[in-house]
Amino acid sequence: MPVHKHIDSCSVHCSIGTIYVEFEKKYGRGCDLVIIDKNKKIICLIEAKRGNITVSDVNDARDQLNYAEQQLQDRYVGYRFIKIFLHCRRGRFDSRAVAKLSKDGIIKVYSGEDIAKEIL
């Protein structure tokens, strides 16, 4: 069943995934949303941001995504964790921020795009 959700003015769409958790609301810190696909053994960790994106924003997102992954690793052994930076299309990306996302292994997806198409 596809996941459709709005987080921080962004439209999250993922055609895979059977469970989603608003991680930061539930745990008080970490990424915004977690989508779990038990059939494919994939966990998408999603941090949504709007506005102009700088290297500092990417570093904050990386820390939030890493925290969520650390919290879930023991519970989901054998799953592949994929880190997603979801941008709401408002504002621009600093070119250094784009390079930092790539260096940190974080996939950039825009609001409304199917996350599954970017990761599969």
PDB file of N, CA and C in Angstrom:
ATOM      1  N   MET A   1       0.843  -1.176   0.000  1.00  0.00           N
ATOM      2  CA  MET A   1       0.000   0.000   0.000  1.00  0.00           C
ATOM      3  C   MET A   1       0.895   1.247   0.000  1.00  0.00           C
ATOM      4  N   PRO A   2       0.720   2.143  -0.947  1.00  0.00           N
ATOM      5  CA  PRO A   2       1.560   3.343  -1.025  1.00  0.00           C
ATOM      6  C   PRO A   2       1.376   4.261   0.189  1.00  0.00           C
ATOM      7  N   VAL A   3       2.423   5.011   0.483  1.00  0.00           N
ATOM      8  CA  VAL A   3       2.393   5.969   1.578  1.00  0.00           C
ATOM      9  C   VAL A   3       2.261   7.371   0.977  1.00  0.00           C
ATOM     10  N   HIS A   4       1.290   8.126   1.456  1.00  0.00           N
ATOM     11  CA  HIS A   4       1.099   9.530   1.103  1.00  0.00           C
ATOM     12  C   HIS A   4       0.961  10.302   2.411  1.00  0.00           C
ATOM     13  N   LYS A   5       1.819  11.286   2.592  1.00  0.00           N
ATOM     14  CA  LYS A   5       1.842  12.018   3.856  1.00  0.00           C
ATOM     15  C   LYS A   5       2.400  13.410   3.608  1.00  0.00           C
ATOM     16  N   HIS A   6       2.003  14.382   4.426  1.00  0.00           N
ATOM     17  CA  HIS A   6       2.574  15.728   4.363  1.00  0.00           C
ATOM     18  C   HIS A   6       3.420  15.939   5.618  1.00  0.00           C
ATOM     19  N   ILE A   7       4.676  16.325   5.394  1.00  0.00           N
ATOM     20  CA  ILE A   7       5.607  16.602   6.477  1.00  0.00           C
ATOM     21  C   ILE A   7       6.306  17.929   6.163  1.00  0.00           C
ATOM     22  N   ASP A   8       6.253  18.878   7.077  1.00  0.00           N
ATOM     23  CA  ASP A   8       6.974  20.146   6.945  1.00  0.00           C
ATOM     24  C   ASP A   8       6.750  20.785   5.570  1.00  0.00           C
ATOM     25  N   SER A   9       5.509  20.898   5.158  1.00  0.00           N
ATOM     26  CA  SER A   9       5.104  21.483   3.873  1.00  0.00           C
ATOM     27  C   SER A   9       5.535  20.664   2.662  1.00  0.00           C
ATOM     28  N   CYS A  10       6.030  19.473   2.862  1.00  0.00           N
ATOM     29  CA  CYS A  10       6.436  18.596   1.764  1.00  0.00           C
ATOM     30  C   CYS A  10       5.420  17.474   1.605  1.00  0.00           C
ATOM     31  N   SER A  11       5.232  17.070   0.368  1.00  0.00           N
ATOM     32  CA  SER A  11       4.372  15.939   0.063  1.00  0.00           C
ATOM     33  C   SER A  11       5.236  14.695  -0.086  1.00  0.00           C
ATOM     34  N   VAL A  12       5.050  13.744   0.807  1.00  0.00           N
ATOM     35  CA  VAL A  12       5.812  12.501   0.774  1.00  0.00           C
ATOM     36  C   VAL A  12       4.982  11.468   0.028  1.00  0.00           C
ATOM     37  N   HIS A  13       5.590  10.891  -0.999  1.00  0.00           N
ATOM     38  CA  HIS A  13       4.928   9.830  -1.759  1.00  0.00           C
ATOM     39  C   HIS A  13       5.919   8.687  -1.928  1.00  0.00           C
ATOM     40  N   CYS A  14       5.501   7.489  -1.557  1.00  0.00           N
ATOM     41  CA  CYS A  14       6.348   6.307  -1.722  1.00  0.00           C
ATOM     42  C   CYS A  14       5.453   5.137  -2.105  1.00  0.00           C
ATOM     43  N   SER A  15       5.704   4.564  -3.281  1.00  0.00           N
ATOM     44  CA  SER A  15       4.854   3.484  -3.771  1.00  0.00           C
ATOM     45  C   SER A  15       5.178   2.138  -3.129  1.00  0.00           C
ATOM     46  N   ILE A  16       6.247   2.074  -2.333  1.00  0.00           N
ATOM     47  CA  ILE A  16       6.504   0.880  -1.525  1.00  0.00           C
ATOM     48  C   ILE A  16       6.329   1.270  -0.071  1.00  0.00           C
ATOM     49  N   GLY A  17       6.256   0.299   0.782  1.00  0.00           N
ATOM     50  CA  GLY A  17       6.159   0.587   2.207  1.00  0.00           C
ATOM     51  C   GLY A  17       4.841   0.106   2.775  1.00  0.00           C
ATOM     52  N   THR A  18       4.924  -0.568   3.879  1.00  0.00           N
ATOM     53  CA  THR A  18       3.739  -1.106   4.516  1.00  0.00           C
ATOM     54  C   THR A  18       3.428  -0.412   5.834  1.00  0.00           C
ATOM     55  N   ILE A  19       4.434   0.255   6.393  1.00  0.00           N
ATOM     56  CA  ILE A  19       4.279   0.911   7.692  1.00  0.00           C
ATOM     57  C   ILE A  19       5.006   2.254   7.625  1.00  0.00           C
ATOM     58  N   TYR A  20       4.445   3.270   8.249  1.00  0.00           N
ATOM     59  CA  TYR A  20       5.208   4.503   8.401  1.00  0.00           C
ATOM     60  C   TYR A  20       5.074   4.992   9.834  1.00  0.00           C
ATOM     61  N   VAL A  21       6.114   5.659  10.293  1.00  0.00           N
ATOM     62  CA  VAL A  21       6.155   6.183  11.654  1.00  0.00           C
ATOM     63  C   VAL A  21       6.649   7.621  11.585  1.00  0.00           C
ATOM     64  N   GLU A  22       5.939   8.540  12.218  1.00  0.00           N
ATOM     65  CA  GLU A  22       6.425   9.913  12.355  1.00  0.00           C
ATOM     66  C   GLU A  22       7.432   9.888  13.497  1.00  0.00           C
ATOM     67  N   PHE A  23       8.667   9.584  13.153  1.00  0.00           N
ATOM     68  CA  PHE A  23       9.717   9.253  14.107  1.00  0.00           C
ATOM     69  C   PHE A  23       9.971  10.373  15.115  1.00  0.00           C
ATOM     70  N   GLU A  24      10.190  11.579  14.623  1.00  0.00           N
ATOM     71  CA  GLU A  24      10.528  12.692  15.531  1.00  0.00           C
ATOM     72  C   GLU A  24       9.401  12.975  16.524  1.00  0.00           C
ATOM     73  N   LYS A  25       8.154  12.878  16.064  1.00  0.00           N
ATOM     74  CA  LYS A  25       7.019  13.093  16.974  1.00  0.00           C
ATOM     75  C   LYS A  25       6.964  12.004  18.039  1.00  0.00           C
ATOM     76  N   LYS A  26       7.275  10.780  17.635  1.00  0.00           N
ATOM     77  CA  LYS A  26       7.182   9.650  18.561  1.00  0.00           C
ATOM     78  C   LYS A  26       8.351   9.611  19.545  1.00  0.00           C
ATOM     79  N   TYR A  27       9.570   9.906  19.050  1.00  0.00           N
ATOM     80  CA  TYR A  27      10.767   9.751  19.877  1.00  0.00           C
ATOM     81  C   TYR A  27      11.369  11.066  20.365  1.00  0.00           C
ATOM     82  N   GLY A  28      10.843  12.193  19.903  1.00  0.00           N
ATOM     83  CA  GLY A  28      11.330  13.480  20.373  1.00  0.00           C
ATOM     84  C   GLY A  28      12.546  14.015  19.656  1.00  0.00           C
ATOM     85  N   ARG A  29      13.171  13.206  18.832  1.00  0.00           N
ATOM     86  CA  ARG A  29      14.312  13.634  18.016  1.00  0.00           C
ATOM     87  C   ARG A  29      14.522  12.624  16.917  1.00  0.00           C
ATOM     88  N   GLY A  30      15.350  12.972  15.969  1.00  0.00           N
ATOM     89  CA  GLY A  30      15.593  12.080  14.830  1.00  0.00           C
ATOM     90  C   GLY A  30      14.911  12.596  13.581  1.00  0.00           C
ATOM     91  N   CYS A  31      14.827  11.760  12.575  1.00  0.00           N
ATOM     92  CA  CYS A  31      14.258  12.181  11.292  1.00  0.00           C
ATOM     93  C   CYS A  31      12.746  12.368  11.391  1.00  0.00           C
ATOM     94  N   ASP A  32      12.176  12.957  10.337  1.00  0.00           N
ATOM     95  CA  ASP A  32      10.745  13.258  10.344  1.00  0.00           C
ATOM     96  C   ASP A  32       9.870  12.034  10.150  1.00  0.00           C
ATOM     97  N   LEU A  33      10.256  11.152   9.228  1.00  0.00           N
ATOM     98  CA  LEU A  33       9.382  10.044   8.853  1.00  0.00           C
ATOM     99  C   LEU A  33      10.211   8.813   8.540  1.00  0.00           C
ATOM    100  N   VAL A  34       9.692   7.645   8.910  1.00  0.00           N
ATOM    101  CA  VAL A  34      10.303   6.364   8.579  1.00  0.00           C
ATOM    102  C   VAL A  34       9.265   5.542   7.834  1.00  0.00           C
ATOM    103  N   ILE A  35       9.655   5.030   6.665  1.00  0.00           N
ATOM    104  CA  ILE A  35       8.783   4.144   5.901  1.00  0.00           C
ATOM    105  C   ILE A  35       9.450   2.776   5.860  1.00  0.00           C
ATOM    106  N   ILE A  36       8.700   1.751   6.237  1.00  0.00           N
ATOM    107  CA  ILE A  36       9.242   0.394   6.319  1.00  0.00           C
ATOM    108  C   ILE A  36       8.528  -0.495   5.304  1.00  0.00           C
ATOM    109  N   ASP A  37       9.304  -1.208   4.510  1.00  0.00           N
ATOM    110  CA  ASP A  37       8.762  -2.207   3.597  1.00  0.00           C
ATOM    111  C   ASP A  37       9.306  -3.554   4.049  1.00  0.00           C
ATOM    112  N   LYS A  38       8.458  -4.330   4.711  1.00  0.00           N
ATOM    113  CA  LYS A  38       8.890  -5.618   5.258  1.00  0.00           C
ATOM    114  C   LYS A  38       9.148  -6.651   4.175  1.00  0.00           C
ATOM    115  N   ASN A  39       8.465  -6.542   3.037  1.00  0.00           N
ATOM    116  CA  ASN A  39       8.680  -7.494   1.946  1.00  0.00           C
ATOM    117  C   ASN A  39      10.058  -7.330   1.315  1.00  0.00           C
ATOM    118  N   LYS A  40      10.466  -6.094   1.068  1.00  0.00           N
ATOM    119  CA  LYS A  40      11.753  -5.817   0.442  1.00  0.00           C
ATOM    120  C   LYS A  40      12.868  -5.621   1.471  1.00  0.00           C
ATOM    121  N   LYS A  41      12.498  -5.599   2.745  1.00  0.00           N
ATOM    122  CA  LYS A  41      13.447  -5.378   3.844  1.00  0.00           C
ATOM    123  C   LYS A  41      14.217  -4.065   3.646  1.00  0.00           C
ATOM    124  N   ILE A  42      13.435  -3.004   3.414  1.00  0.00           N
ATOM    125  CA  ILE A  42      13.983  -1.668   3.222  1.00  0.00           C
ATOM    126  C   ILE A  42      13.359  -0.725   4.243  1.00  0.00           C
ATOM    127  N   ILE A  43      14.187   0.148   4.784  1.00  0.00           N
ATOM    128  CA  ILE A  43      13.707   1.203   5.662  1.00  0.00           C
ATOM    129  C   ILE A  43      14.184   2.532   5.095  1.00  0.00           C
ATOM    130  N   CYS A  44      13.235   3.404   4.775  1.00  0.00           N
ATOM    131  CA  CYS A  44      13.539   4.752   4.288  1.00  0.00           C
ATOM    132  C   CYS A  44      13.440   5.714   5.451  1.00  0.00           C
ATOM    133  N   LEU A  45      14.533   6.383   5.724  1.00  0.00           N
ATOM    134  CA  LEU A  45      14.584   7.411   6.750  1.00  0.00           C
ATOM    135  C   LEU A  45      14.501   8.753   6.025  1.00  0.00           C
ATOM    136  N   ILE A  46      13.516   9.570   6.368  1.00  0.00           N
ATOM    137  CA  ILE A  46      13.246  10.783   5.612  1.00  0.00           C
ATOM    138  C   ILE A  46      13.321  12.018   6.505  1.00  0.00           C
ATOM    139  N   GLU A  47      14.115  12.973   6.056  1.00  0.00           N
ATOM    140  CA  GLU A  47      14.177  14.280   6.705  1.00  0.00           C
ATOM    141  C   GLU A  47      13.715  15.299   5.675  1.00  0.00           C
ATOM    142  N   ALA A  48      12.667  16.053   6.006  1.00  0.00           N
ATOM    143  CA  ALA A  48      12.089  17.037   5.090  1.00  0.00           C
ATOM    144  C   ALA A  48      12.513  18.441   5.501  1.00  0.00           C
ATOM    145  N   LYS A  49      12.875  19.240   4.514  1.00  0.00           N
ATOM    146  CA  LYS A  49      13.265  20.636   4.752  1.00  0.00           C
ATOM    147  C   LYS A  49      12.688  21.498   3.645  1.00  0.00           C
ATOM    148  N   ARG A  50      12.440  22.749   3.990  1.00  0.00           N
ATOM    149  CA  ARG A  50      11.986  23.716   2.988  1.00  0.00           C
ATOM    150  C   ARG A  50      12.903  24.929   3.051  1.00  0.00           C
ATOM    151  N   GLY A  51      12.816  25.756   2.047  1.00  0.00           N
ATOM    152  CA  GLY A  51      13.613  26.976   2.012  1.00  0.00           C
ATOM    153  C   GLY A  51      14.972  26.741   1.393  1.00  0.00           C
ATOM    154  N   ASN A  52      15.849  27.715   1.572  1.00  0.00           N
ATOM    155  CA  ASN A  52      17.212  27.613   1.060  1.00  0.00           C
ATOM    156  C   ASN A  52      17.980  26.593   1.896  1.00  0.00           C
ATOM    157  N   ILE A  53      18.723  25.728   1.214  1.00  0.00           N
ATOM    158  CA  ILE A  53      19.437  24.650   1.897  1.00  0.00           C
ATOM    159  C   ILE A  53      20.936  24.905   1.833  1.00  0.00           C
ATOM    160  N   THR A  54      21.554  24.901   3.012  1.00  0.00           N
ATOM    161  CA  THR A  54      22.994  25.121   3.137  1.00  0.00           C
ATOM    162  C   THR A  54      23.672  23.840   3.633  1.00  0.00           C
ATOM    163  N   VAL A  55      24.984  23.873   3.684  1.00  0.00           N
ATOM    164  CA  VAL A  55      25.740  22.738   4.224  1.00  0.00           C
ATOM    165  C   VAL A  55      25.337  22.473   5.673  1.00  0.00           C
ATOM    166  N   SER A  56      25.092  23.520   6.431  1.00  0.00           N
ATOM    167  CA  SER A  56      24.659  23.369   7.821  1.00  0.00           C
ATOM    168  C   SER A  56      23.335  22.600   7.909  1.00  0.00           C
ATOM    169  N   ASP A  57      22.409  22.879   7.004  1.00  0.00           N
ATOM    170  CA  ASP A  57      21.132  22.148   6.973  1.00  0.00           C
ATOM    171  C   ASP A  57      21.366  20.669   6.672  1.00  0.00           C
ATOM    172  N   VAL A  58      22.274  20.397   5.747  1.00  0.00           N
ATOM    173  CA  VAL A  58      22.592  19.011   5.396  1.00  0.00           C
ATOM    174  C   VAL A  58      23.233  18.298   6.586  1.00  0.00           C
ATOM    175  N   ASN A  59      24.125  18.982   7.292  1.00  0.00           N
ATOM    176  CA  ASN A  59      24.749  18.372   8.473  1.00  0.00           C
ATOM    177  C   ASN A  59      23.700  18.055   9.541  1.00  0.00           C
ATOM    178  N   ASP A  60      22.768  18.961   9.765  1.00  0.00           N
ATOM    179  CA  ASP A  60      21.686  18.711  10.734  1.00  0.00           C
ATOM    180  C   ASP A  60      20.837  17.516  10.299  1.00  0.00           C
ATOM    181  N   ALA A  61      20.493  17.464   9.023  1.00  0.00           N
ATOM    182  CA  ALA A  61      19.686  16.352   8.498  1.00  0.00           C
ATOM    183  C   ALA A  61      20.435  15.030   8.651  1.00  0.00           C
ATOM    184  N   ARG A  62      21.735  15.033   8.325  1.00  0.00           N
ATOM    185  CA  ARG A  62      22.550  13.822   8.461  1.00  0.00           C
ATOM    186  C   ARG A  62      22.535  13.322   9.899  1.00  0.00           C
ATOM    187  N   ASP A  63      22.682  14.232  10.856  1.00  0.00           N
ATOM    188  CA  ASP A  63      22.684  13.840  12.269  1.00  0.00           C
ATOM    189  C   ASP A  63      21.331  13.247  12.675  1.00  0.00           C
ATOM    190  N   GLN A  64      20.244  13.841  12.205  1.00  0.00           N
ATOM    191  CA  GLN A  64      18.905  13.333  12.531  1.00  0.00           C
ATOM    192  C   GLN A  64      18.674  11.953  11.898  1.00  0.00           C
ATOM    193  N   LEU A  65      19.098  11.790  10.653  1.00  0.00           N
ATOM    194  CA  LEU A  65      18.949  10.501   9.974  1.00  0.00           C
ATOM    195  C   LEU A  65      19.795   9.426  10.652  1.00  0.00           C
ATOM    196  N   ASN A  66      21.029   9.766  11.008  1.00  0.00           N
ATOM    197  CA  ASN A  66      21.908   8.805  11.689  1.00  0.00           C
ATOM    198  C   ASN A  66      21.349   8.391  13.037  1.00  0.00           C
ATOM    199  N   TYR A  67      20.790   9.337  13.774  1.00  0.00           N
ATOM    200  CA  TYR A  67      20.200   9.014  15.079  1.00  0.00           C
ATOM    201  C   TYR A  67      19.049   8.015  14.916  1.00  0.00           C
ATOM    202  N   ALA A  68      18.186   8.272  13.953  1.00  0.00           N
ATOM    203  CA  ALA A  68      17.054   7.357  13.725  1.00  0.00           C
ATOM    204  C   ALA A  68      17.552   5.974  13.331  1.00  0.00           C
ATOM    205  N   GLU A  69      18.565   5.924  12.476  1.00  0.00           N
ATOM    206  CA  GLU A  69      19.113   4.624  12.066  1.00  0.00           C
ATOM    207  C   GLU A  69      19.677   3.869  13.263  1.00  0.00           C
ATOM    208  N   GLN A  70      20.405   4.551  14.119  1.00  0.00           N
ATOM    209  CA  GLN A  70      20.978   3.907  15.309  1.00  0.00           C
ATOM    210  C   GLN A  70      19.889   3.336  16.211  1.00  0.00           C
ATOM    211  N   GLN A  71      18.773   4.050  16.331  1.00  0.00           N
ATOM    212  CA  GLN A  71      17.678   3.600  17.187  1.00  0.00           C
ATOM    213  C   GLN A  71      16.966   2.367  16.615  1.00  0.00           C
ATOM    214  N   LEU A  72      16.981   2.218  15.294  1.00  0.00           N
ATOM    215  CA  LEU A  72      16.217   1.144  14.645  1.00  0.00           C
ATOM    216  C   LEU A  72      17.049  -0.070  14.248  1.00  0.00           C
ATOM    217  N   GLN A  73      18.373   0.046  14.208  1.00  0.00           N
ATOM    218  CA  GLN A  73      19.227  -1.028  13.716  1.00  0.00           C
ATOM    219  C   GLN A  73      19.045  -2.355  14.439  1.00  0.00           C
ATOM    220  N   ASP A  74      18.968  -2.329  15.740  1.00  0.00           N
ATOM    221  CA  ASP A  74      18.850  -3.580  16.498  1.00  0.00           C
ATOM    222  C   ASP A  74      17.508  -4.257  16.277  1.00  0.00           C
ATOM    223  N   ARG A  75      16.470  -3.477  16.048  1.00  0.00           N
ATOM    224  CA  ARG A  75      15.124  -4.018  15.855  1.00  0.00           C
ATOM    225  C   ARG A  75      14.914  -4.552  14.435  1.00  0.00           C
ATOM    226  N   TYR A  76      15.666  -4.006  13.476  1.00  0.00           N
ATOM    227  CA  TYR A  76      15.487  -4.372  12.065  1.00  0.00           C
ATOM    228  C   TYR A  76      16.789  -4.898  11.469  1.00  0.00           C
ATOM    229  N   VAL A  77      17.281  -5.982  12.040  1.00  0.00           N
ATOM    230  CA  VAL A  77      18.508  -6.618  11.560  1.00  0.00           C
ATOM    231  C   VAL A  77      18.236  -7.200  10.169  1.00  0.00           C
ATOM    232  N   GLY A  78      19.163  -6.975   9.246  1.00  0.00           N
ATOM    233  CA  GLY A  78      19.026  -7.498   7.890  1.00  0.00           C
ATOM    234  C   GLY A  78      18.299  -6.555   6.944  1.00  0.00           C
ATOM    235  N   TYR A  79      17.835  -5.428   7.438  1.00  0.00           N
ATOM    236  CA  TYR A  79      17.162  -4.440   6.597  1.00  0.00           C
ATOM    237  C   TYR A  79      18.198  -3.480   6.017  1.00  0.00           C
ATOM    238  N   ARG A  80      17.897  -2.956   4.841  1.00  0.00           N
ATOM    239  CA  ARG A  80      18.740  -1.938   4.214  1.00  0.00           C
ATOM    240  C   ARG A  80      18.149  -0.565   4.576  1.00  0.00           C
ATOM    241  N   PHE A  81      18.969   0.285   5.168  1.00  0.00           N
ATOM    242  CA  PHE A  81      18.546   1.626   5.549  1.00  0.00           C
ATOM    243  C   PHE A  81      18.935   2.602   4.437  1.00  0.00           C
ATOM    244  N   ILE A  82      17.965   3.402   4.008  1.00  0.00           N
ATOM    245  CA  ILE A  82      18.195   4.391   2.961  1.00  0.00           C
ATOM    246  C   ILE A  82      17.826   5.758   3.527  1.00  0.00           C
ATOM    247  N   LYS A  83      18.769   6.679   3.419  1.00  0.00           N
ATOM    248  CA  LYS A  83      18.569   8.025   3.956  1.00  0.00           C
ATOM    249  C   LYS A  83      18.132   8.964   2.835  1.00  0.00           C
ATOM    250  N   ILE A  84      17.028   9.675   3.103  1.00  0.00           N
ATOM    251  CA  ILE A  84      16.414  10.551   2.110  1.00  0.00           C
ATOM    252  C   ILE A  84      16.344  11.977   2.658  1.00  0.00           C
ATOM    253  N   PHE A  85      16.763  12.935   1.843  1.00  0.00           N
ATOM    254  CA  PHE A  85      16.579  14.352   2.131  1.00  0.00           C
ATOM    255  C   PHE A  85      15.476  14.821   1.201  1.00  0.00           C
ATOM    256  N   LEU A  86      14.329  15.155   1.757  1.00  0.00           N
ATOM    257  CA  LEU A  86      13.164  15.571   0.973  1.00  0.00           C
ATOM    258  C   LEU A  86      13.076  17.092   0.998  1.00  0.00           C
ATOM    259  N   HIS A  87      13.138  17.690  -0.190  1.00  0.00           N
ATOM    260  CA  HIS A  87      13.068  19.146  -0.281  1.00  0.00           C
ATOM    261  C   HIS A  87      11.723  19.554  -0.867  1.00  0.00           C
ATOM    262  N   CYS A  88      11.157  20.607  -0.303  1.00  0.00           N
ATOM    263  CA  CYS A  88       9.797  21.021  -0.652  1.00  0.00           C
ATOM    264  C   CYS A  88       9.709  21.900  -1.894  1.00  0.00           C
ATOM    265  N   ARG A  89      10.818  22.053  -2.594  1.00  0.00           N
ATOM    266  CA  ARG A  89      10.877  22.833  -3.842  1.00  0.00           C
ATOM    267  C   ARG A  89      10.761  24.337  -3.619  1.00  0.00           C
ATOM    268  N   ARG A  90      10.752  24.779  -2.405  1.00  0.00           N
ATOM    269  CA  ARG A  90      10.738  26.219  -2.107  1.00  0.00           C
ATOM    270  C   ARG A  90      12.122  26.598  -1.632  1.00  0.00           C
ATOM    271  N   GLY A  91      12.752  27.517  -2.335  1.00  0.00           N
ATOM    272  CA  GLY A  91      14.116  27.882  -2.000  1.00  0.00           C
ATOM    273  C   GLY A  91      15.092  27.157  -2.906  1.00  0.00           C
ATOM    274  N   ARG A  92      16.362  27.396  -2.676  1.00  0.00           N
ATOM    275  CA  ARG A  92      17.368  26.783  -3.534  1.00  0.00           C
ATOM    276  C   ARG A  92      18.380  25.998  -2.705  1.00  0.00           C
ATOM    277  N   PHE A  93      19.089  25.122  -3.379  1.00  0.00           N
ATOM    278  CA  PHE A  93      20.162  24.328  -2.790  1.00  0.00           C
ATOM    279  C   PHE A  93      21.489  24.997  -3.082  1.00  0.00           C
ATOM    280  N   ASP A  94      22.276  25.229  -2.070  1.00  0.00           N
ATOM    281  CA  ASP A  94      23.657  25.651  -2.250  1.00  0.00           C
ATOM    282  C   ASP A  94      24.385  24.484  -2.922  1.00  0.00           C
ATOM    283  N   SER A  95      25.247  24.760  -3.895  1.00  0.00           N
ATOM    284  CA  SER A  95      25.947  23.683  -4.612  1.00  0.00           C
ATOM    285  C   SER A  95      26.809  22.841  -3.668  1.00  0.00           C
ATOM    286  N   ARG A  96      27.340  23.451  -2.624  1.00  0.00           N
ATOM    287  CA  ARG A  96      28.133  22.690  -1.638  1.00  0.00           C
ATOM    288  C   ARG A  96      27.237  21.746  -0.832  1.00  0.00           C
ATOM    289  N   ALA A  97      25.992  22.156  -0.618  1.00  0.00           N
ATOM    290  CA  ALA A  97      25.047  21.300   0.116  1.00  0.00           C
ATOM    291  C   ALA A  97      24.706  20.057  -0.705  1.00  0.00           C
ATOM    292  N   VAL A  98      24.532  20.227  -2.011  1.00  0.00           N
ATOM    293  CA  VAL A  98      24.254  19.078  -2.892  1.00  0.00           C
ATOM    294  C   VAL A  98      25.422  18.104  -2.853  1.00  0.00           C
ATOM    295  N   ALA A  99      26.640  18.629  -2.929  1.00  0.00           N
ATOM    296  CA  ALA A  99      27.834  17.784  -2.877  1.00  0.00           C
ATOM    297  C   ALA A  99      27.929  17.058  -1.535  1.00  0.00           C
ATOM    298  N   LYS A 100      27.579  17.739  -0.461  1.00  0.00           N
ATOM    299  CA  LYS A 100      27.628  17.142   0.888  1.00  0.00           C
ATOM    300  C   LYS A 100      26.625  15.998   1.025  1.00  0.00           C
ATOM    301  N   LEU A 101      25.425  16.177   0.456  1.00  0.00           N
ATOM    302  CA  LEU A 101      24.442  15.085   0.485  1.00  0.00           C
ATOM    303  C   LEU A 101      25.015  13.843  -0.176  1.00  0.00           C
ATOM    304  N   SER A 102      25.576  14.022  -1.351  1.00  0.00           N
ATOM    305  CA  SER A 102      26.144  12.901  -2.084  1.00  0.00           C
ATOM    306  C   SER A 102      27.282  12.243  -1.294  1.00  0.00           C
ATOM    307  N   LYS A 103      28.164  13.059  -0.739  1.00  0.00           N
ATOM    308  CA  LYS A 103      29.293  12.538   0.045  1.00  0.00           C
ATOM    309  C   LYS A 103      28.817  11.733   1.250  1.00  0.00           C
ATOM    310  N   ASP A 104      27.721  12.176   1.876  1.00  0.00           N
ATOM    311  CA  ASP A 104      27.192  11.514   3.062  1.00  0.00           C
ATOM    312  C   ASP A 104      26.259  10.341   2.736  1.00  0.00           C
ATOM    313  N   GLY A 105      26.073  10.048   1.448  1.00  0.00           N
ATOM    314  CA  GLY A 105      25.236   8.911   1.050  1.00  0.00           C
ATOM    315  C   GLY A 105      23.744   9.150   1.257  1.00  0.00           C
ATOM    316  N   ILE A 106      23.329  10.398   1.148  1.00  0.00           N
ATOM    317  CA  ILE A 106      21.922  10.764   1.337  1.00  0.00           C
ATOM    318  C   ILE A 106      21.332  11.105  -0.029  1.00  0.00           C
ATOM    319  N   ILE A 107      20.176  10.533  -0.313  1.00  0.00           N
ATOM    320  CA  ILE A 107      19.518  10.744  -1.599  1.00  0.00           C
ATOM    321  C   ILE A 107      18.593  11.946  -1.512  1.00  0.00           C
ATOM    322  N   LYS A 108      18.707  12.859  -2.488  1.00  0.00           N
ATOM    323  CA  LYS A 108      17.853  14.040  -2.541  1.00  0.00           C
ATOM    324  C   LYS A 108      16.622  13.716  -3.385  1.00  0.00           C
ATOM    325  N   VAL A 109      15.454  13.985  -2.813  1.00  0.00           N
ATOM    326  CA  VAL A 109      14.181  13.783  -3.509  1.00  0.00           C
ATOM    327  C   VAL A 109      13.358  15.049  -3.309  1.00  0.00           C
ATOM    328  N   TYR A 110      12.616  15.421  -4.347  1.00  0.00           N
ATOM    329  CA  TYR A 110      11.752  16.598  -4.234  1.00  0.00           C
ATOM    330  C   TYR A 110      10.341  16.204  -3.846  1.00  0.00           C
ATOM    331  N   SER A 111       9.663  17.115  -3.188  1.00  0.00           N
ATOM    332  CA  SER A 111       8.281  16.940  -2.760  1.00  0.00           C
ATOM    333  C   SER A 111       7.422  16.442  -3.914  1.00  0.00           C
ATOM    334  N   GLY A 112       6.639  15.413  -3.653  1.00  0.00           N
ATOM    335  CA  GLY A 112       5.721  14.860  -4.634  1.00  0.00           C
ATOM    336  C   GLY A 112       6.307  13.754  -5.496  1.00  0.00           C
ATOM    337  N   GLU A 113       7.628  13.627  -5.557  1.00  0.00           N
ATOM    338  CA  GLU A 113       8.248  12.563  -6.352  1.00  0.00           C
ATOM    339  C   GLU A 113       8.107  11.236  -5.602  1.00  0.00           C
ATOM    340  N   ASP A 114       8.021  10.157  -6.367  1.00  0.00           N
ATOM    341  CA  ASP A 114       7.932   8.827  -5.760  1.00  0.00           C
ATOM    342  C   ASP A 114       9.318   8.421  -5.259  1.00  0.00           C
ATOM    343  N   ILE A 115       9.460   8.307  -3.962  1.00  0.00           N
ATOM    344  CA  ILE A 115      10.731   7.936  -3.349  1.00  0.00           C
ATOM    345  C   ILE A 115      11.218   6.582  -3.857  1.00  0.00           C
ATOM    346  N   ALA A 116      10.292   5.659  -4.063  1.00  0.00           N
ATOM    347  CA  ALA A 116      10.660   4.311  -4.519  1.00  0.00           C
ATOM    348  C   ALA A 116      11.411   4.346  -5.843  1.00  0.00           C
ATOM    349  N   LYS A 117      11.050   5.248  -6.735  1.00  0.00           N
ATOM    350  CA  LYS A 117      11.736   5.338  -8.031  1.00  0.00           C
ATOM    351  C   LYS A 117      13.169   5.794  -7.880  1.00  0.00           C
ATOM    352  N   GLU A 118      13.471   6.516  -6.830  1.00  0.00           N
ATOM    353  CA  GLU A 118      14.828   7.012  -6.593  1.00  0.00           C
ATOM    354  C   GLU A 118      15.711   5.980  -5.902  1.00  0.00           C
ATOM    355  N   ILE A 119      15.105   5.011  -5.222  1.00  0.00           N
ATOM    356  CA  ILE A 119      15.912   4.076  -4.425  1.00  0.00           C
ATOM    357  C   ILE A 119      15.982   2.667  -4.984  1.00  0.00           C
ATOM    358  N   LEU A 120      15.074   2.315  -5.866  1.00  0.00           N
ATOM    359  CA  LEU A 120      15.057   0.946  -6.402  1.00  0.00           C
ATOM    360  C   LEU A 120      15.748   0.868  -7.741  1.00  0.00           C
TER     361      LEU A 120
END
